[in-house]
Amino acid sequence: MPLSNSRSPLPFTAEPPYRVTAPPPPSEAGLTARECDVLARISHGWTSRQIAEALGISIRTVNTHRENLARKVGTSSPARLTRYAITYRIDTVD
């Protein structure tokens, strides 16, 4: 059976009308080592306060890293950042 039906009022297309692109890998996104440290901890559900204490930096600095990650990766959602970290294997906390 063909993919399109000439009797149908709406044309059937096998491809969506939009394009979904994956965020760039860390090397292309320009993530720093410290941003990767912060990202790994975000992926484990750590709060900004916990990250700051573990890395010996201020909460404001952690939040700046979060803002940079959001800009570079294209999302500020912790769930999507976690997915990014797992996809590119940045989810290991030392």
N, C-alpha and C. Protein backbone atom coordinates (compact mmCIF):
# COMPACT_ATOMS: atom_id res chain seq x y z
N MET A 1 0.85 -1.19 0.00
CA MET A 1 0.00 0.00 0.00
C MET A 1 0.89 1.24 0.00
N PRO A 2 0.60 2.22 -0.83
CA PRO A 2 1.41 3.44 -0.90
C PRO A 2 1.28 4.26 0.39
N LEU A 3 2.29 5.10 0.65
CA LEU A 3 2.28 5.92 1.84
C LEU A 3 1.26 7.06 1.77
N SER A 4 0.89 7.48 0.59
CA SER A 4 -0.09 8.56 0.49
C SER A 4 -1.38 8.00 -0.11
N ASN A 5 -2.45 8.60 0.29
CA ASN A 5 -3.76 8.19 -0.19
C ASN A 5 -4.36 9.36 -0.94
N SER A 6 -4.59 9.19 -2.22
CA SER A 6 -5.07 10.31 -3.03
C SER A 6 -6.49 10.73 -2.62
N ARG A 7 -7.22 9.86 -1.93
CA ARG A 7 -8.58 10.21 -1.49
C ARG A 7 -8.57 10.99 -0.18
N SER A 8 -7.45 11.00 0.49
CA SER A 8 -7.35 11.69 1.77
C SER A 8 -7.27 13.20 1.54
N PRO A 9 -8.02 13.99 2.31
CA PRO A 9 -7.97 15.44 2.14
C PRO A 9 -6.64 16.04 2.59
N LEU A 10 -5.93 15.36 3.49
CA LEU A 10 -4.65 15.85 3.97
C LEU A 10 -3.55 14.93 3.46
N PRO A 11 -2.50 15.50 2.93
CA PRO A 11 -1.41 14.65 2.45
C PRO A 11 -0.68 13.99 3.62
N PHE A 12 -0.32 12.76 3.46
CA PHE A 12 0.43 12.04 4.48
C PHE A 12 1.90 12.16 4.15
N THR A 13 2.68 12.54 5.14
CA THR A 13 4.11 12.60 4.93
C THR A 13 4.79 11.70 5.95
N ALA A 14 5.78 11.00 5.54
CA ALA A 14 6.51 10.10 6.43
C ALA A 14 7.46 10.88 7.34
N GLU A 15 7.82 12.08 6.98
CA GLU A 15 8.76 12.87 7.75
C GLU A 15 8.02 14.01 8.45
N PRO A 16 8.40 14.32 9.69
CA PRO A 16 7.76 15.44 10.36
C PRO A 16 8.13 16.76 9.68
N PRO A 17 7.30 17.78 9.85
CA PRO A 17 7.57 19.06 9.21
C PRO A 17 8.65 19.88 9.92
N TYR A 18 9.23 19.34 10.98
CA TYR A 18 10.26 20.05 11.73
C TYR A 18 11.50 19.16 11.83
N ARG A 19 12.57 19.76 12.21
CA ARG A 19 13.83 19.02 12.34
C ARG A 19 14.29 19.10 13.80
N VAL A 20 14.54 17.96 14.37
CA VAL A 20 15.05 17.90 15.73
C VAL A 20 16.55 17.69 15.66
N THR A 21 17.28 18.57 16.30
CA THR A 21 18.73 18.44 16.29
C THR A 21 19.23 18.19 17.71
N ALA A 22 20.22 17.38 17.81
CA ALA A 22 20.82 17.09 19.11
C ALA A 22 21.77 18.22 19.47
N PRO A 23 21.92 18.49 20.76
CA PRO A 23 22.89 19.50 21.16
C PRO A 23 24.30 19.03 20.80
N PRO A 24 25.20 19.96 20.61
CA PRO A 24 26.56 19.58 20.21
C PRO A 24 27.29 18.84 21.33
N PRO A 25 28.24 17.99 20.98
CA PRO A 25 29.04 17.32 22.01
C PRO A 25 29.85 18.35 22.80
N PRO A 26 30.29 17.98 24.00
CA PRO A 26 31.00 18.94 24.86
C PRO A 26 32.17 19.65 24.19
N SER A 27 32.93 18.95 23.38
CA SER A 27 34.07 19.59 22.74
C SER A 27 33.63 20.69 21.78
N GLU A 28 32.52 20.47 21.09
CA GLU A 28 32.02 21.49 20.16
C GLU A 28 31.24 22.57 20.89
N ALA A 29 30.62 22.21 22.00
CA ALA A 29 29.85 23.20 22.77
C ALA A 29 30.78 24.13 23.54
N GLY A 30 32.03 23.73 23.69
CA GLY A 30 33.00 24.57 24.39
C GLY A 30 32.88 24.51 25.90
N LEU A 31 32.45 23.35 26.43
CA LEU A 31 32.33 23.20 27.88
C LEU A 31 33.70 23.15 28.52
N THR A 32 33.84 23.89 29.62
CA THR A 32 35.09 23.85 30.37
C THR A 32 35.09 22.64 31.29
N ALA A 33 36.25 22.32 31.85
CA ALA A 33 36.35 21.21 32.79
C ALA A 33 35.46 21.46 34.01
N ARG A 34 35.42 22.70 34.48
CA ARG A 34 34.61 23.02 35.65
C ARG A 34 33.12 22.91 35.33
N GLU A 35 32.72 23.33 34.14
CA GLU A 35 31.32 23.18 33.74
C GLU A 35 30.95 21.70 33.67
N CYS A 36 31.87 20.87 33.23
CA CYS A 36 31.61 19.42 33.20
C CYS A 36 31.49 18.87 34.62
N ASP A 37 32.30 19.38 35.57
CA ASP A 37 32.18 18.98 36.97
C ASP A 37 30.80 19.33 37.51
N VAL A 38 30.36 20.55 37.23
CA VAL A 38 29.04 21.00 37.68
C VAL A 38 27.94 20.18 37.02
N LEU A 39 28.07 19.95 35.73
CA LEU A 39 27.07 19.18 34.99
C LEU A 39 26.94 17.76 35.54
N ALA A 40 28.06 17.13 35.86
CA ALA A 40 28.02 15.78 36.42
C ALA A 40 27.23 15.76 37.72
N ARG A 41 27.42 16.75 38.55
CA ARG A 41 26.71 16.80 39.82
C ARG A 41 25.23 17.14 39.62
N ILE A 42 24.93 17.99 38.66
CA ILE A 42 23.52 18.28 38.33
C ILE A 42 22.84 16.98 37.92
N SER A 43 23.55 16.16 37.14
CA SER A 43 22.95 14.91 36.66
C SER A 43 22.70 13.92 37.78
N HIS A 44 23.34 14.12 38.92
CA HIS A 44 23.10 13.26 40.08
C HIS A 44 22.10 13.88 41.06
N GLY A 45 21.51 15.01 40.65
CA GLY A 45 20.47 15.63 41.47
C GLY A 45 20.97 16.54 42.57
N TRP A 46 22.23 16.93 42.52
CA TRP A 46 22.78 17.80 43.54
C TRP A 46 22.21 19.21 43.41
N THR A 47 22.05 19.89 44.54
CA THR A 47 21.61 21.28 44.54
C THR A 47 22.82 22.19 44.30
N SER A 48 22.55 23.43 44.00
CA SER A 48 23.65 24.40 43.82
C SER A 48 24.49 24.50 45.08
N ARG A 49 23.85 24.47 46.23
CA ARG A 49 24.58 24.55 47.51
C ARG A 49 25.52 23.35 47.68
N GLN A 50 25.01 22.15 47.38
CA GLN A 50 25.84 20.95 47.50
C GLN A 50 27.02 20.98 46.54
N ILE A 51 26.76 21.44 45.32
CA ILE A 51 27.83 21.54 44.33
C ILE A 51 28.88 22.54 44.79
N ALA A 52 28.44 23.69 45.29
CA ALA A 52 29.35 24.73 45.76
C ALA A 52 30.24 24.20 46.88
N GLU A 53 29.65 23.50 47.84
CA GLU A 53 30.42 22.97 48.97
C GLU A 53 31.43 21.92 48.50
N ALA A 54 31.00 21.04 47.59
CA ALA A 54 31.88 19.97 47.11
C ALA A 54 33.06 20.51 46.30
N LEU A 55 32.82 21.56 45.53
CA LEU A 55 33.87 22.10 44.66
C LEU A 55 34.63 23.27 45.27
N GLY A 56 34.18 23.72 46.44
CA GLY A 56 34.85 24.83 47.10
C GLY A 56 34.68 26.16 46.39
N ILE A 57 33.50 26.38 45.81
CA ILE A 57 33.19 27.62 45.12
C ILE A 57 31.89 28.19 45.68
N SER A 58 31.56 29.42 45.33
CA SER A 58 30.34 30.03 45.84
C SER A 58 29.11 29.53 45.07
N ILE A 59 27.97 29.69 45.69
CA ILE A 59 26.71 29.31 45.03
C ILE A 59 26.51 30.16 43.79
N ARG A 60 26.89 31.43 43.86
CA ARG A 60 26.77 32.32 42.70
C ARG A 60 27.61 31.80 41.53
N THR A 61 28.79 31.29 41.83
CA THR A 61 29.64 30.74 40.77
C THR A 61 28.99 29.50 40.16
N VAL A 62 28.40 28.66 41.00
CA VAL A 62 27.69 27.48 40.49
C VAL A 62 26.56 27.92 39.58
N ASN A 63 25.81 28.92 40.00
CA ASN A 63 24.70 29.41 39.18
C ASN A 63 25.19 30.00 37.86
N THR A 64 26.36 30.64 37.88
CA THR A 64 26.94 31.14 36.64
C THR A 64 27.29 29.98 35.72
N HIS A 65 27.86 28.92 36.28
CA HIS A 65 28.15 27.73 35.48
C HIS A 65 26.87 27.13 34.90
N ARG A 66 25.80 27.12 35.71
CA ARG A 66 24.51 26.62 35.22
C ARG A 66 24.01 27.46 34.05
N GLU A 67 24.13 28.78 34.17
CA GLU A 67 23.71 29.68 33.08
C GLU A 67 24.54 29.42 31.81
N ASN A 68 25.84 29.24 31.98
CA ASN A 68 26.70 28.96 30.83
C ASN A 68 26.34 27.62 30.19
N LEU A 69 26.07 26.62 31.03
CA LEU A 69 25.65 25.31 30.50
C LEU A 69 24.36 25.44 29.71
N ALA A 70 23.41 26.18 30.26
CA ALA A 70 22.12 26.37 29.58
C ALA A 70 22.32 27.01 28.21
N ARG A 71 23.19 28.00 28.16
CA ARG A 71 23.45 28.70 26.89
C ARG A 71 24.18 27.79 25.91
N LYS A 72 25.20 27.09 26.37
CA LYS A 72 26.01 26.27 25.48
C LYS A 72 25.31 25.00 25.02
N VAL A 73 24.54 24.38 25.91
CA VAL A 73 23.87 23.12 25.59
C VAL A 73 22.50 23.37 24.98
N GLY A 74 21.90 24.50 25.31
CA GLY A 74 20.61 24.84 24.73
C GLY A 74 19.41 24.52 25.59
N THR A 75 19.63 24.25 26.88
CA THR A 75 18.52 24.00 27.79
C THR A 75 18.95 24.28 29.22
N SER A 76 18.01 24.75 30.03
CA SER A 76 18.31 24.96 31.45
C SER A 76 17.60 23.92 32.31
N SER A 77 16.84 23.05 31.69
CA SER A 77 16.11 22.01 32.41
C SER A 77 17.09 20.99 33.01
N PRO A 78 17.03 20.77 34.33
CA PRO A 78 17.91 19.77 34.93
C PRO A 78 17.74 18.38 34.30
N ALA A 79 16.53 18.03 33.92
CA ALA A 79 16.30 16.73 33.30
C ALA A 79 17.01 16.63 31.95
N ARG A 80 16.94 17.68 31.17
CA ARG A 80 17.60 17.66 29.86
C ARG A 80 19.12 17.76 30.00
N LEU A 81 19.59 18.51 30.99
CA LEU A 81 21.02 18.55 31.26
C LEU A 81 21.52 17.17 31.68
N THR A 82 20.70 16.48 32.48
CA THR A 82 21.05 15.12 32.90
C THR A 82 21.13 14.19 31.69
N ARG A 83 20.16 14.30 30.81
CA ARG A 83 20.17 13.48 29.60
C ARG A 83 21.42 13.77 28.76
N TYR A 84 21.77 15.04 28.66
CA TYR A 84 22.97 15.44 27.92
C TYR A 84 24.21 14.81 28.58
N ALA A 85 24.29 14.90 29.91
CA ALA A 85 25.43 14.36 30.64
C ALA A 85 25.56 12.86 30.43
N ILE A 86 24.45 12.15 30.46
CA ILE A 86 24.47 10.70 30.27
C ILE A 86 24.84 10.37 28.84
N THR A 87 24.27 11.09 27.89
CA THR A 87 24.56 10.84 26.47
C THR A 87 26.04 10.97 26.17
N TYR A 88 26.67 12.00 26.72
CA TYR A 88 28.08 12.25 26.45
C TYR A 88 29.00 11.78 27.59
N ARG A 89 28.46 10.97 28.49
CA ARG A 89 29.21 10.35 29.58
C ARG A 89 29.96 11.35 30.44
N ILE A 90 29.24 12.37 30.84
CA ILE A 90 29.80 13.39 31.74
C ILE A 90 29.17 13.22 33.12
N ASP A 91 28.61 12.07 33.40
CA ASP A 91 27.85 11.89 34.63
C ASP A 91 28.64 11.24 35.76
N THR A 92 29.96 11.20 35.66
CA THR A 92 30.79 10.60 36.71
C THR A 92 31.23 11.68 37.69
N VAL A 93 30.94 11.44 38.97
CA VAL A 93 31.35 12.37 40.02
C VAL A 93 32.52 11.75 40.75
N ASP A 94 33.62 12.53 40.87
CA ASP A 94 34.82 12.02 41.56
C ASP A 94 34.66 12.13 43.05
